Amino acid sequence: MRSRYSAYVLLNISYLKETMWPKKQSGFDETATAQWARDNHWTGLRVLEVQNGRETDRDGTVLFEAKYLAGGRLNTHRELSRFRKKAGRWYYVEAIPE
Protein backbone atom coordinates (compact mmCIF):
# COMPACT_ATOMS: atom_id res chain seq x y z
CA MET A 1 0.00 0.00 0.00
CA ARG A 2 2.73 2.44 0.90
CA SER A 3 4.51 1.87 -2.40
CA ARG A 4 1.31 2.62 -4.34
CA TYR A 5 0.77 5.83 -2.36
CA SER A 6 4.36 6.83 -3.14
CA ALA A 7 3.69 6.13 -6.82
CA TYR A 8 0.81 8.64 -6.76
CA VAL A 9 3.05 11.22 -5.08
CA LEU A 10 5.87 10.66 -7.58
CA LEU A 11 3.52 10.33 -10.58
CA ASN A 12 4.83 6.83 -11.28
CA ILE A 13 1.69 5.77 -13.12
CA SER A 14 3.32 2.76 -14.78
CA TYR A 15 4.03 1.33 -11.30
CA LEU A 16 0.37 1.73 -10.37
CA LYS A 17 -0.62 -0.26 -13.45
CA GLU A 18 2.06 -2.92 -12.91
CA THR A 19 0.91 -3.51 -9.32
CA MET A 20 -2.74 -4.01 -10.27
CA TRP A 21 -4.12 -7.53 -10.51
CA PRO A 22 -3.11 -8.65 -14.04
CA LYS A 23 -6.68 -9.19 -15.30
CA LYS A 24 -7.61 -5.63 -14.29
CA GLN A 25 -4.66 -3.87 -15.95
CA SER A 26 -6.38 -3.58 -19.33
CA GLY A 27 -9.12 -1.41 -17.79
CA PHE A 28 -6.67 0.96 -16.07
CA ASP A 29 -6.97 4.53 -17.39
CA GLU A 30 -3.39 5.80 -17.25
CA THR A 31 -4.24 9.25 -18.60
CA ALA A 32 -7.02 9.94 -16.10
CA THR A 33 -4.99 8.54 -13.21
CA ALA A 34 -1.99 10.69 -14.13
CA GLN A 35 -4.17 13.78 -14.35
CA TRP A 36 -5.78 13.09 -10.97
CA ALA A 37 -2.39 12.48 -9.34
CA ARG A 38 -0.98 15.69 -10.88
CA ASP A 39 -3.96 17.80 -9.83
CA ASN A 40 -3.55 16.93 -6.15
CA HIS A 41 -0.86 17.65 -3.59
CA TRP A 42 -0.46 14.53 -1.47
CA THR A 43 0.12 15.27 2.21
CA GLY A 44 0.12 11.94 4.00
CA LEU A 45 -0.90 8.32 4.35
CA ARG A 46 -2.27 6.57 7.41
CA VAL A 47 -2.69 2.81 7.43
CA LEU A 48 -5.57 2.13 9.81
CA GLU A 49 -5.89 -1.64 9.65
CA VAL A 50 -4.26 -4.60 7.93
CA GLN A 51 -5.76 -8.07 7.72
CA ASN A 52 -3.60 -10.93 6.51
CA GLY A 53 -0.81 -10.08 4.10
CA ARG A 54 1.78 -12.26 5.76
CA GLU A 55 4.26 -14.49 3.93
CA THR A 56 1.89 -17.48 3.95
CA ASP A 57 -1.26 -15.52 2.99
CA ARG A 58 -2.65 -15.25 -0.52
CA ASP A 59 -5.17 -12.47 0.16
CA GLY A 60 -5.20 -9.44 2.41
CA THR A 61 -6.86 -6.10 3.01
CA VAL A 62 -5.60 -2.67 3.98
CA LEU A 63 -7.78 0.11 5.33
CA PHE A 64 -6.11 3.48 4.77
CA GLU A 65 -6.60 7.21 4.58
CA ALA A 66 -4.63 9.33 2.13
CA LYS A 67 -4.77 13.09 2.59
CA TYR A 68 -4.37 15.54 -0.28
CA LEU A 69 -4.91 19.18 -1.14
CA ALA A 70 -7.16 19.94 -4.09
CA GLY A 71 -8.53 23.36 -4.95
CA GLY A 72 -7.24 24.80 -1.70
CA ARG A 73 -9.09 22.22 0.41
CA LEU A 74 -7.70 19.33 2.43
CA ASN A 75 -9.42 16.08 1.44
CA THR A 76 -9.25 12.52 2.68
CA HIS A 77 -9.48 9.45 0.48
CA ARG A 78 -10.46 6.51 2.70
CA GLU A 79 -10.45 3.04 1.20
CA LEU A 80 -10.51 -0.61 2.14
CA SER A 81 -8.30 -2.23 -0.49
CA ARG A 82 -8.08 -5.89 -1.40
CA PHE A 83 -4.69 -7.30 -2.35
CA ARG A 84 -3.82 -10.73 -3.73
CA LYS A 85 -0.47 -12.48 -4.05
CA LYS A 86 0.62 -14.19 -7.25
CA ALA A 87 4.05 -15.76 -7.78
CA GLY A 88 5.28 -14.18 -4.54
CA ARG A 89 4.21 -10.62 -5.45
CA TRP A 90 1.31 -8.62 -4.00
CA TYR A 91 -1.15 -6.92 -6.38
CA TYR A 92 -3.93 -4.42 -5.80
CA VAL A 93 -7.26 -6.00 -6.77
CA GLU A 94 -10.01 -3.56 -5.86
CA ALA A 95 -11.61 -1.25 -3.35
CA ILE A 96 -14.25 -3.05 -1.31
CA PRO A 97 -17.09 -1.66 0.81
CA GLU A 98 -16.19 -1.17 4.47
PDB file of N, CA and C in Angstrom:
ATOM      1  N   MET A   1       0.814  -1.184   0.000  1.00  0.00           N
ATOM      2  CA  MET A   1       0.000   0.000   0.000  1.00  0.00           C
ATOM      3  C   MET A   1       0.862   1.253   0.000  1.00  0.00           C
ATOM      4  N   ARG A   2       1.879   1.246   0.819  1.00  0.00           N
ATOM      5  CA  ARG A   2       2.733   2.437   0.899  1.00  0.00           C
ATOM      6  C   ARG A   2       3.433   2.712  -0.432  1.00  0.00           C
ATOM      7  N   SER A   3       3.827   1.668  -1.118  1.00  0.00           N
ATOM      8  CA  SER A   3       4.508   1.875  -2.397  1.00  0.00           C
ATOM      9  C   SER A   3       3.553   2.456  -3.440  1.00  0.00           C
ATOM     10  N   ARG A   4       2.289   2.063  -3.394  1.00  0.00           N
ATOM     11  CA  ARG A   4       1.313   2.618  -4.342  1.00  0.00           C
ATOM     12  C   ARG A   4       1.025   4.087  -4.011  1.00  0.00           C
ATOM     13  N   TYR A   5       0.944   4.425  -2.739  1.00  0.00           N
ATOM     14  CA  TYR A   5       0.766   5.828  -2.356  1.00  0.00           C
ATOM     15  C   TYR A   5       1.951   6.647  -2.882  1.00  0.00           C
ATOM     16  N   SER A   6       3.155   6.135  -2.664  1.00  0.00           N
ATOM     17  CA  SER A   6       4.356   6.829  -3.139  1.00  0.00           C
ATOM     18  C   SER A   6       4.321   7.005  -4.656  1.00  0.00           C
ATOM     19  N   ALA A   7       3.789   6.027  -5.360  1.00  0.00           N
ATOM     20  CA  ALA A   7       3.691   6.132  -6.821  1.00  0.00           C
ATOM     21  C   ALA A   7       2.762   7.277  -7.221  1.00  0.00           C
ATOM     22  N   TYR A   8       1.678   7.483  -6.477  1.00  0.00           N
ATOM     23  CA  TYR A   8       0.810   8.640  -6.756  1.00  0.00           C
ATOM     24  C   TYR A   8       1.573   9.940  -6.514  1.00  0.00           C
ATOM     25  N   VAL A   9       2.292  10.013  -5.417  1.00  0.00           N
ATOM     26  CA  VAL A   9       3.047  11.222  -5.080  1.00  0.00           C
ATOM     27  C   VAL A   9       4.089  11.524  -6.149  1.00  0.00           C
ATOM     28  N   LEU A  10       4.781  10.498  -6.613  1.00  0.00           N
ATOM     29  CA  LEU A  10       5.872  10.657  -7.583  1.00  0.00           C
ATOM     30  C   LEU A  10       5.409  10.593  -9.030  1.00  0.00           C
ATOM     31  N   LEU A  11       4.110  10.442  -9.234  1.00  0.00           N
ATOM     32  CA  LEU A  11       3.516  10.328 -10.583  1.00  0.00           C
ATOM     33  C   LEU A  11       4.081   9.136 -11.356  1.00  0.00           C
ATOM     34  N   ASN A  12       4.329   8.058 -10.660  1.00  0.00           N
ATOM     35  CA  ASN A  12       4.833   6.835 -11.284  1.00  0.00           C
ATOM     36  C   ASN A  12       3.636   5.970 -11.673  1.00  0.00           C
ATOM     37  N   ILE A  13       2.948   6.398 -12.711  1.00  0.00           N
ATOM     38  CA  ILE A  13       1.692   5.774 -13.123  1.00  0.00           C
ATOM     39  C   ILE A  13       1.923   4.363 -13.645  1.00  0.00           C
ATOM     40  N   SER A  14       3.037   4.121 -14.287  1.00  0.00           N
ATOM     41  CA  SER A  14       3.318   2.765 -14.778  1.00  0.00           C
ATOM     42  C   SER A  14       3.421   1.775 -13.621  1.00  0.00           C
ATOM     43  N   TYR A  15       3.954   2.203 -12.469  1.00  0.00           N
ATOM     44  CA  TYR A  15       4.029   1.329 -11.300  1.00  0.00           C
ATOM     45  C   TYR A  15       2.627   0.994 -10.799  1.00  0.00           C
ATOM     46  N   LEU A  16       1.744   1.983 -10.804  1.00  0.00           N
ATOM     47  CA  LEU A  16       0.370   1.730 -10.370  1.00  0.00           C
ATOM     48  C   LEU A  16      -0.277   0.660 -11.241  1.00  0.00           C
ATOM     49  N   LYS A  17      -0.051   0.744 -12.536  1.00  0.00           N
ATOM     50  CA  LYS A  17      -0.617  -0.260 -13.447  1.00  0.00           C
ATOM     51  C   LYS A  17       0.026  -1.629 -13.216  1.00  0.00           C
ATOM     52  N   GLU A  18       1.343  -1.662 -13.090  1.00  0.00           N
ATOM     53  CA  GLU A  18       2.063  -2.925 -12.907  1.00  0.00           C
ATOM     54  C   GLU A  18       1.685  -3.642 -11.621  1.00  0.00           C
ATOM     55  N   THR A  19       1.251  -2.899 -10.606  1.00  0.00           N
ATOM     56  CA  THR A  19       0.914  -3.513  -9.319  1.00  0.00           C
ATOM     57  C   THR A  19      -0.577  -3.783  -9.174  1.00  0.00           C
ATOM     58  N   MET A  20      -1.325  -3.617 -10.257  1.00  0.00           N
ATOM     59  CA  MET A  20      -2.735  -4.009 -10.274  1.00  0.00           C
ATOM     60  C   MET A  20      -2.831  -5.483 -10.645  1.00  0.00           C
ATOM     61  N   TRP A  21      -3.873  -6.136 -10.157  1.00  0.00           N
ATOM     62  CA  TRP A  21      -4.116  -7.529 -10.505  1.00  0.00           C
ATOM     63  C   TRP A  21      -4.093  -7.639 -12.031  1.00  0.00           C
ATOM     64  N   PRO A  22      -3.320  -8.579 -12.594  1.00  0.00           N
ATOM     65  CA  PRO A  22      -3.115  -8.646 -14.040  1.00  0.00           C
ATOM     66  C   PRO A  22      -4.387  -8.570 -14.893  1.00  0.00           C
ATOM     67  N   LYS A  23      -5.450  -9.219 -14.496  1.00  0.00           N
ATOM     68  CA  LYS A  23      -6.683  -9.194 -15.295  1.00  0.00           C
ATOM     69  C   LYS A  23      -7.361  -7.831 -15.300  1.00  0.00           C
ATOM     70  N   LYS A  24      -6.999  -6.957 -14.380  1.00  0.00           N
ATOM     71  CA  LYS A  24      -7.612  -5.629 -14.294  1.00  0.00           C
ATOM     72  C   LYS A  24      -6.773  -4.549 -14.975  1.00  0.00           C
ATOM     73  N   GLN A  25      -5.554  -4.878 -15.370  1.00  0.00           N
ATOM     74  CA  GLN A  25      -4.659  -3.873 -15.945  1.00  0.00           C
ATOM     75  C   GLN A  25      -5.194  -3.281 -17.242  1.00  0.00           C
ATOM     76  N   SER A  26      -5.894  -4.077 -18.044  1.00  0.00           N
ATOM     77  CA  SER A  26      -6.376  -3.575 -19.331  1.00  0.00           C
ATOM     78  C   SER A  26      -7.423  -2.472 -19.153  1.00  0.00           C
ATOM     79  N   GLY A  27      -8.119  -2.437 -18.032  1.00  0.00           N
ATOM     80  CA  GLY A  27      -9.120  -1.408 -17.786  1.00  0.00           C
ATOM     81  C   GLY A  27      -8.582  -0.183 -17.059  1.00  0.00           C
ATOM     82  N   PHE A  28      -7.287  -0.142 -16.811  1.00  0.00           N
ATOM     83  CA  PHE A  28      -6.671   0.962 -16.072  1.00  0.00           C
ATOM     84  C   PHE A  28      -6.506   2.167 -16.992  1.00  0.00           C
ATOM     85  N   ASP A  29      -7.048   3.305 -16.597  1.00  0.00           N
ATOM     86  CA  ASP A  29      -6.967   4.532 -17.391  1.00  0.00           C
ATOM     87  C   ASP A  29      -5.752   5.337 -16.935  1.00  0.00           C
ATOM     88  N   GLU A  30      -4.637   5.136 -17.628  1.00  0.00           N
ATOM     89  CA  GLU A  30      -3.385   5.798 -17.245  1.00  0.00           C
ATOM     90  C   GLU A  30      -3.485   7.314 -17.353  1.00  0.00           C
ATOM     91  N   THR A  31      -4.143   7.804 -18.386  1.00  0.00           N
ATOM     92  CA  THR A  31      -4.244   9.249 -18.600  1.00  0.00           C
ATOM     93  C   THR A  31      -5.036   9.912 -17.483  1.00  0.00           C
ATOM     94  N   ALA A  32      -6.184   9.361 -17.154  1.00  0.00           N
ATOM     95  CA  ALA A  32      -7.020   9.942 -16.095  1.00  0.00           C
ATOM     96  C   ALA A  32      -6.340   9.830 -14.732  1.00  0.00           C
ATOM     97  N   THR A  33      -5.679   8.717 -14.485  1.00  0.00           N
ATOM     98  CA  THR A  33      -4.988   8.536 -13.210  1.00  0.00           C
ATOM     99  C   THR A  33      -3.843   9.530 -13.080  1.00  0.00           C
ATOM    100  N   ALA A  34      -3.093   9.727 -14.159  1.00  0.00           N
ATOM    101  CA  ALA A  34      -1.986  10.690 -14.134  1.00  0.00           C
ATOM    102  C   ALA A  34      -2.501  12.102 -13.895  1.00  0.00           C
ATOM    103  N   GLN A  35      -3.608  12.448 -14.530  1.00  0.00           N
ATOM    104  CA  GLN A  35      -4.175  13.782 -14.352  1.00  0.00           C
ATOM    105  C   GLN A  35      -4.632  13.993 -12.912  1.00  0.00           C
ATOM    106  N   TRP A  36      -5.300  12.999 -12.345  1.00  0.00           N
ATOM    107  CA  TRP A  36      -5.783  13.094 -10.966  1.00  0.00           C
ATOM    108  C   TRP A  36      -4.607  13.219  -9.996  1.00  0.00           C
ATOM    109  N   ALA A  37      -3.573  12.429 -10.211  1.00  0.00           N
ATOM    110  CA  ALA A  37      -2.393  12.476  -9.341  1.00  0.00           C
ATOM    111  C   ALA A  37      -1.695  13.835  -9.447  1.00  0.00           C
ATOM    112  N   ARG A  38      -1.617  14.383 -10.662  1.00  0.00           N
ATOM    113  CA  ARG A  38      -0.977  15.693 -10.881  1.00  0.00           C
ATOM    114  C   ARG A  38      -1.777  16.841 -10.262  1.00  0.00           C
ATOM    115  N   ASP A  39      -3.092  16.717 -10.300  1.00  0.00           N
ATOM    116  CA  ASP A  39      -3.956  17.801  -9.834  1.00  0.00           C
ATOM    117  C   ASP A  39      -4.026  17.919  -8.312  1.00  0.00           C
ATOM    118  N   ASN A  40      -3.458  16.962  -7.611  1.00  0.00           N
ATOM    119  CA  ASN A  40      -3.546  16.935  -6.154  1.00  0.00           C
ATOM    120  C   ASN A  40      -2.154  16.994  -5.535  1.00  0.00           C
ATOM    121  N   HIS A  41      -2.112  17.605  -4.357  1.00  0.00           N
ATOM    122  CA  HIS A  41      -0.864  17.648  -3.594  1.00  0.00           C
ATOM    123  C   HIS A  41      -1.035  16.698  -2.418  1.00  0.00           C
ATOM    124  N   TRP A  42      -0.313  15.590  -2.466  1.00  0.00           N
ATOM    125  CA  TRP A  42      -0.458  14.528  -1.471  1.00  0.00           C
ATOM    126  C   TRP A  42       0.255  14.922  -0.188  1.00  0.00           C
ATOM    127  N   THR A  43      -0.435  14.796   0.951  1.00  0.00           N
ATOM    128  CA  THR A  43       0.118  15.271   2.213  1.00  0.00           C
ATOM    129  C   THR A  43       0.343  14.186   3.257  1.00  0.00           C
ATOM    130  N   GLY A  44      -0.140  12.979   3.023  1.00  0.00           N
ATOM    131  CA  GLY A  44       0.123  11.936   4.002  1.00  0.00           C
ATOM    132  C   GLY A  44      -0.730  10.695   3.829  1.00  0.00           C
ATOM    133  N   LEU A  45      -0.219   9.612   4.374  1.00  0.00           N
ATOM    134  CA  LEU A  45      -0.895   8.316   4.347  1.00  0.00           C
ATOM    135  C   LEU A  45      -0.939   7.757   5.755  1.00  0.00           C
ATOM    136  N   ARG A  46      -2.101   7.259   6.136  1.00  0.00           N
ATOM    137  CA  ARG A  46      -2.265   6.575   7.414  1.00  0.00           C
ATOM    138  C   ARG A  46      -2.876   5.210   7.162  1.00  0.00           C
ATOM    139  N   VAL A  47      -2.150   4.167   7.515  1.00  0.00           N
ATOM    140  CA  VAL A  47      -2.692   2.814   7.428  1.00  0.00           C
ATOM    141  C   VAL A  47      -3.428   2.562   8.732  1.00  0.00           C
ATOM    142  N   LEU A  48      -4.719   2.275   8.632  1.00  0.00           N
ATOM    143  CA  LEU A  48      -5.568   2.128   9.807  1.00  0.00           C
ATOM    144  C   LEU A  48      -5.703   0.676  10.264  1.00  0.00           C
ATOM    145  N   GLU A  49      -5.701  -0.227   9.307  1.00  0.00           N
ATOM    146  CA  GLU A  49      -5.888  -1.638   9.648  1.00  0.00           C
ATOM    147  C   GLU A  49      -5.369  -2.519   8.521  1.00  0.00           C
ATOM    148  N   VAL A  50      -4.741  -3.613   8.904  1.00  0.00           N
ATOM    149  CA  VAL A  50      -4.256  -4.600   7.934  1.00  0.00           C
ATOM    150  C   VAL A  50      -4.766  -5.962   8.377  1.00  0.00           C
ATOM    151  N   GLN A  51      -5.345  -6.695   7.440  1.00  0.00           N
ATOM    152  CA  GLN A  51      -5.763  -8.066   7.720  1.00  0.00           C
ATOM    153  C   GLN A  51      -5.050  -8.978   6.741  1.00  0.00           C
ATOM    154  N   ASN A  52      -4.413  -9.993   7.285  1.00  0.00           N
ATOM    155  CA  ASN A  52      -3.604 -10.933   6.511  1.00  0.00           C
ATOM    156  C   ASN A  52      -2.451 -10.198   5.842  1.00  0.00           C
ATOM    157  N   GLY A  53      -1.947 -10.713   4.744  1.00  0.00           N
ATOM    158  CA  GLY A  53      -0.810 -10.075   4.098  1.00  0.00           C
ATOM    159  C   GLY A  53       0.537 -10.596   4.558  1.00  0.00           C
ATOM    160  N   ARG A  54       0.514 -11.676   5.325  1.00  0.00           N
ATOM    161  CA  ARG A  54       1.779 -12.260   5.762  1.00  0.00           C
ATOM    162  C   ARG A  54       2.352 -13.159   4.667  1.00  0.00           C
ATOM    163  N   GLU A  55       3.541 -13.649   4.890  1.00  0.00           N
ATOM    164  CA  GLU A  55       4.261 -14.491   3.926  1.00  0.00           C
ATOM    165  C   GLU A  55       3.421 -15.663   3.424  1.00  0.00           C
ATOM    166  N   THR A  56       2.661 -16.290   4.318  1.00  0.00           N
ATOM    167  CA  THR A  56       1.892 -17.483   3.946  1.00  0.00           C
ATOM    168  C   THR A  56       0.497 -17.170   3.412  1.00  0.00           C
ATOM    169  N   ASP A  57       0.078 -15.907   3.455  1.00  0.00           N
ATOM    170  CA  ASP A  57      -1.259 -15.522   2.987  1.00  0.00           C
ATOM    171  C   ASP A  57      -1.281 -15.328   1.477  1.00  0.00           C
ATOM    172  N   ARG A  58      -2.460 -15.503   0.910  1.00  0.00           N
ATOM    173  CA  ARG A  58      -2.650 -15.247  -0.516  1.00  0.00           C
ATOM    174  C   ARG A  58      -3.479 -13.983  -0.738  1.00  0.00           C
ATOM    175  N   ASP A  59      -4.317 -13.648   0.237  1.00  0.00           N
ATOM    176  CA  ASP A  59      -5.172 -12.467   0.159  1.00  0.00           C
ATOM    177  C   ASP A  59      -4.993 -11.620   1.412  1.00  0.00           C
ATOM    178  N   GLY A  60      -5.266 -10.334   1.264  1.00  0.00           N
ATOM    179  CA  GLY A  60      -5.204  -9.443   2.414  1.00  0.00           C
ATOM    180  C   GLY A  60      -5.947  -8.156   2.114  1.00  0.00           C
ATOM    181  N   THR A  61      -6.217  -7.400   3.170  1.00  0.00           N
ATOM    182  CA  THR A  61      -6.864  -6.104   3.006  1.00  0.00           C
ATOM    183  C   THR A  61      -6.104  -5.051   3.799  1.00  0.00           C
ATOM    184  N   VAL A  62      -6.210  -3.821   3.319  1.00  0.00           N
ATOM    185  CA  VAL A  62      -5.604  -2.666   3.983  1.00  0.00           C
ATOM    186  C   VAL A  62      -6.640  -1.551   3.996  1.00  0.00           C
ATOM    187  N   LEU A  63      -6.930  -1.058   5.188  1.00  0.00           N
ATOM    188  CA  LEU A  63      -7.783   0.115   5.325  1.00  0.00           C
ATOM    189  C   LEU A  63      -6.854   1.310   5.536  1.00  0.00           C
ATOM    190  N   PHE A  64      -7.021   2.333   4.698  1.00  0.00           N
ATOM    191  CA  PHE A  64      -6.108   3.476   4.772  1.00  0.00           C
ATOM    192  C   PHE A  64      -6.841   4.782   4.538  1.00  0.00           C
ATOM    193  N   GLU A  65      -6.165   5.860   4.909  1.00  0.00           N
ATOM    194  CA  GLU A  65      -6.597   7.213   4.578  1.00  0.00           C
ATOM    195  C   GLU A  65      -5.413   7.942   3.958  1.00  0.00           C
ATOM    196  N   ALA A  66      -5.643   8.509   2.793  1.00  0.00           N
ATOM    197  CA  ALA A  66      -4.633   9.326   2.127  1.00  0.00           C
ATOM    198  C   ALA A  66      -5.160  10.758   2.096  1.00  0.00           C
ATOM    199  N   LYS A  67      -4.355  11.687   2.562  1.00  0.00           N
ATOM    200  CA  LYS A  67      -4.766  13.088   2.588  1.00  0.00           C
ATOM    201  C   LYS A  67      -4.106  13.823   1.426  1.00  0.00           C
ATOM    202  N   TYR A  68      -4.882  14.764   0.855  1.00  0.00           N
ATOM    203  CA  TYR A  68      -4.369  15.536  -0.276  1.00  0.00           C
ATOM    204  C   TYR A  68      -5.068  16.886  -0.361  1.00  0.00           C
ATOM    205  N   LEU A  69      -4.353  17.845  -0.899  1.00  0.00           N
ATOM    206  CA  LEU A  69      -4.906  19.177  -1.138  1.00  0.00           C
ATOM    207  C   LEU A  69      -5.382  19.257  -2.582  1.00  0.00           C
ATOM    208  N   ALA A  70      -6.598  19.741  -2.756  1.00  0.00           N
ATOM    209  CA  ALA A  70      -7.163  19.944  -4.092  1.00  0.00           C
ATOM    210  C   ALA A  70      -8.029  21.196  -4.038  1.00  0.00           C
ATOM    211  N   GLY A  71      -7.746  22.131  -4.916  1.00  0.00           N
ATOM    212  CA  GLY A  71      -8.534  23.359  -4.951  1.00  0.00           C
ATOM    213  C   GLY A  71      -8.509  24.136  -3.655  1.00  0.00           C
ATOM    214  N   GLY A  72      -7.383  24.068  -2.945  1.00  0.00           N
ATOM    215  CA  GLY A  72      -7.242  24.800  -1.702  1.00  0.00           C
ATOM    216  C   GLY A  72      -7.907  24.142  -0.503  1.00  0.00           C
ATOM    217  N   ARG A  73      -8.418  22.940  -0.680  1.00  0.00           N
ATOM    218  CA  ARG A  73      -9.087  22.222   0.411  1.00  0.00           C
ATOM    219  C   ARG A  73      -8.358  20.926   0.723  1.00  0.00           C
ATOM    220  N   LEU A  74      -8.278  20.599   2.011  1.00  0.00           N
ATOM    221  CA  LEU A  74      -7.702  19.330   2.431  1.00  0.00           C
ATOM    222  C   LEU A  74      -8.781  18.253   2.350  1.00  0.00           C
ATOM    223  N   ASN A  75      -8.487  17.188   1.639  1.00  0.00           N
ATOM    224  CA  ASN A  75      -9.424  16.081   1.444  1.00  0.00           C
ATOM    225  C   ASN A  75      -8.824  14.794   1.983  1.00  0.00           C
ATOM    226  N   THR A  76      -9.687  13.830   2.239  1.00  0.00           N
ATOM    227  CA  THR A  76      -9.246  12.518   2.684  1.00  0.00           C
ATOM    228  C   THR A  76      -9.861  11.454   1.791  1.00  0.00           C
ATOM    229  N   HIS A  77      -9.018  10.622   1.236  1.00  0.00           N
ATOM    230  CA  HIS A  77      -9.481   9.451   0.483  1.00  0.00           C
ATOM    231  C   HIS A  77      -9.336   8.264   1.420  1.00  0.00           C
ATOM    232  N   ARG A  78     -10.454   7.664   1.802  1.00  0.00           N
ATOM    233  CA  ARG A  78     -10.460   6.509   2.700  1.00  0.00           C
ATOM    234  C   ARG A  78     -10.900   5.303   1.882  1.00  0.00           C
ATOM    235  N   GLU A  79     -10.144   4.221   2.012  1.00  0.00           N
ATOM    236  CA  GLU A  79     -10.454   3.045   1.202  1.00  0.00           C
ATOM    237  C   GLU A  79     -10.040   1.765   1.917  1.00  0.00           C
ATOM    238  N   LEU A  80     -10.859   0.747   1.734  1.00  0.00           N
ATOM    239  CA  LEU A  80     -10.508  -0.608   2.141  1.00  0.00           C
ATOM    240  C   LEU A  80     -10.112  -1.321   0.859  1.00  0.00           C
ATOM    241  N   SER A  81      -8.841  -1.644   0.733  1.00  0.00           N
ATOM    242  CA  SER A  81      -8.301  -2.231  -0.494  1.00  0.00           C
ATOM    243  C   SER A  81      -8.052  -3.717  -0.328  1.00  0.00           C
ATOM    244  N   ARG A  82      -8.376  -4.454  -1.371  1.00  0.00           N
ATOM    245  CA  ARG A  82      -8.083  -5.889  -1.403  1.00  0.00           C
ATOM    246  C   ARG A  82      -6.823  -6.113  -2.231  1.00  0.00           C
ATOM    247  N   PHE A  83      -5.926  -6.920  -1.676  1.00  0.00           N
ATOM    248  CA  PHE A  83      -4.690  -7.298  -2.354  1.00  0.00           C
ATOM    249  C   PHE A  83      -4.641  -8.816  -2.480  1.00  0.00           C
ATOM    250  N   ARG A  84      -3.971  -9.289  -3.518  1.00  0.00           N
ATOM    251  CA  ARG A  84      -3.815 -10.727  -3.729  1.00  0.00           C
ATOM    252  C   ARG A  84      -2.381 -10.992  -4.186  1.00  0.00           C
ATOM    253  N   LYS A  85      -1.840 -12.104  -3.706  1.00  0.00           N
ATOM    254  CA  LYS A  85      -0.470 -12.476  -4.050  1.00  0.00           C
ATOM    255  C   LYS A  85      -0.472 -13.494  -5.191  1.00  0.00           C
ATOM    256  N   LYS A  86       0.439 -13.273  -6.132  1.00  0.00           N
ATOM    257  CA  LYS A  86       0.621 -14.192  -7.253  1.00  0.00           C
ATOM    258  C   LYS A  86       2.116 -14.292  -7.510  1.00  0.00           C
ATOM    259  N   ALA A  87       2.617 -15.511  -7.534  1.00  0.00           N
ATOM    260  CA  ALA A  87       4.046 -15.755  -7.780  1.00  0.00           C
ATOM    261  C   ALA A  87       4.922 -14.943  -6.819  1.00  0.00           C
ATOM    262  N   GLY A  88       4.484 -14.849  -5.557  1.00  0.00           N
ATOM    263  CA  GLY A  88       5.277 -14.176  -4.541  1.00  0.00           C
ATOM    264  C   GLY A  88       5.166 -12.663  -4.518  1.00  0.00           C
ATOM    265  N   ARG A  89       4.335 -12.074  -5.371  1.00  0.00           N
ATOM    266  CA  ARG A  89       4.205 -10.617  -5.451  1.00  0.00           C
ATOM    267  C   ARG A  89       2.770 -10.206  -5.136  1.00  0.00           C
ATOM    268  N   TRP A  90       2.635  -9.132  -4.350  1.00  0.00           N
ATOM    269  CA  TRP A  90       1.313  -8.617  -4.003  1.00  0.00           C
ATOM    270  C   TRP A  90       0.810  -7.663  -5.078  1.00  0.00           C
ATOM    271  N   TYR A  91      -0.491  -7.773  -5.391  1.00  0.00           N
ATOM    272  CA  TYR A  91      -1.154  -6.920  -6.381  1.00  0.00           C
ATOM    273  C   TYR A  91      -2.406  -6.307  -5.773  1.00  0.00           C
ATOM    274  N   TYR A  92      -2.678  -5.076  -6.165  1.00  0.00           N
ATOM    275  CA  TYR A  92      -3.932  -4.420  -5.797  1.00  0.00           C
ATOM    276  C   TYR A  92      -5.039  -5.009  -6.659  1.00  0.00           C
ATOM    277  N   VAL A  93      -6.146  -5.424  -6.025  1.00  0.00           N
ATOM    278  CA  VAL A  93      -7.258  -6.005  -6.769  1.00  0.00           C
ATOM    279  C   VAL A  93      -8.398  -5.011  -6.925  1.00  0.00           C
ATOM    280  N   GLU A  94      -8.856  -4.445  -5.787  1.00  0.00           N
ATOM    281  CA  GLU A  94     -10.011  -3.560  -5.859  1.00  0.00           C
ATOM    282  C   GLU A  94     -10.274  -2.903  -4.512  1.00  0.00           C
ATOM    283  N   ALA A  95     -11.077  -1.845  -4.576  1.00  0.00           N
ATOM    284  CA  ALA A  95     -11.608  -1.250  -3.351  1.00  0.00           C
ATOM    285  C   ALA A  95     -12.874  -2.033  -3.013  1.00  0.00           C
ATOM    286  N   ILE A  96     -13.058  -2.321  -1.723  1.00  0.00           N
ATOM    287  CA  ILE A  96     -14.249  -3.048  -1.311  1.00  0.00           C
ATOM    288  C   ILE A  96     -15.001  -2.226  -0.260  1.00  0.00           C
ATOM    289  N   PRO A  97     -16.315  -2.410  -0.184  1.00  0.00           N
ATOM    290  CA  PRO A  97     -17.087  -1.660   0.809  1.00  0.00           C
ATOM    291  C   PRO A  97     -16.630  -1.984   2.224  1.00  0.00           C
ATOM    292  N   GLU A  98     -16.599  -0.967   3.057  1.00  0.00           N
ATOM    293  CA  GLU A  98     -16.192  -1.170   4.470  1.00  0.00           C
ATOM    294  C   GLU A  98     -17.303  -1.839   5.248  1.00  0.00           C
TER     295      GLU A  98
END
